[in-house]
Amino acid sequence: MAKTVQSVKNSLKFKVQPKAGLLTVRVGVKKYVLPVSARMLCEGGYMFLSFSATSELFEIKDKKLVAMDSKSDAGNAATSLVATKRRGRKQSKRLDMPTELETALKAIPAGYKLTFDLATGKPRLAKMRKKRVTKKK
């Protein structure tokens, strides 16, 4: 009788001792060892890897990952980890523009843009091209 994959996994799960420190994750330039135990066997072109079915919220303290207690407040973690629902491009941070430059840019007439002459390197005004919309037949 042939063994199924599920039956082999179930039998190996209890024959292998769990080991800690097998998994690492890199956050930025720092490498953290995950405090998760795993069961692992590797032999003859096969590998068995088993984790306990769990999810955990970790906090970085003193350059180590510490699992957060289930009774502790996770509000700050939630706001840090949950992505915003805002769509579109992210707004760039505004820089302080000198007033002279701001007035000079506002003085450019509509339909023109500021370009630089390649031969001399001096700035000049150039008329903007109008895009034509072609109608479908």
Foldseek 3Di string as FASTA:
>chain_A
DDDDPVVVLVVVVVVFDWDAQPDWDDDPNAIAGDGFTWGWDDDDHDIHIDGDPDDFDWDQDPNYTDTDDPPDDCPVVCVVPDDDPDDDDDDDDDDDDDPVVVVVVVPQDPQWDWDADPVPRHIDIDGDDDDDDDDDD
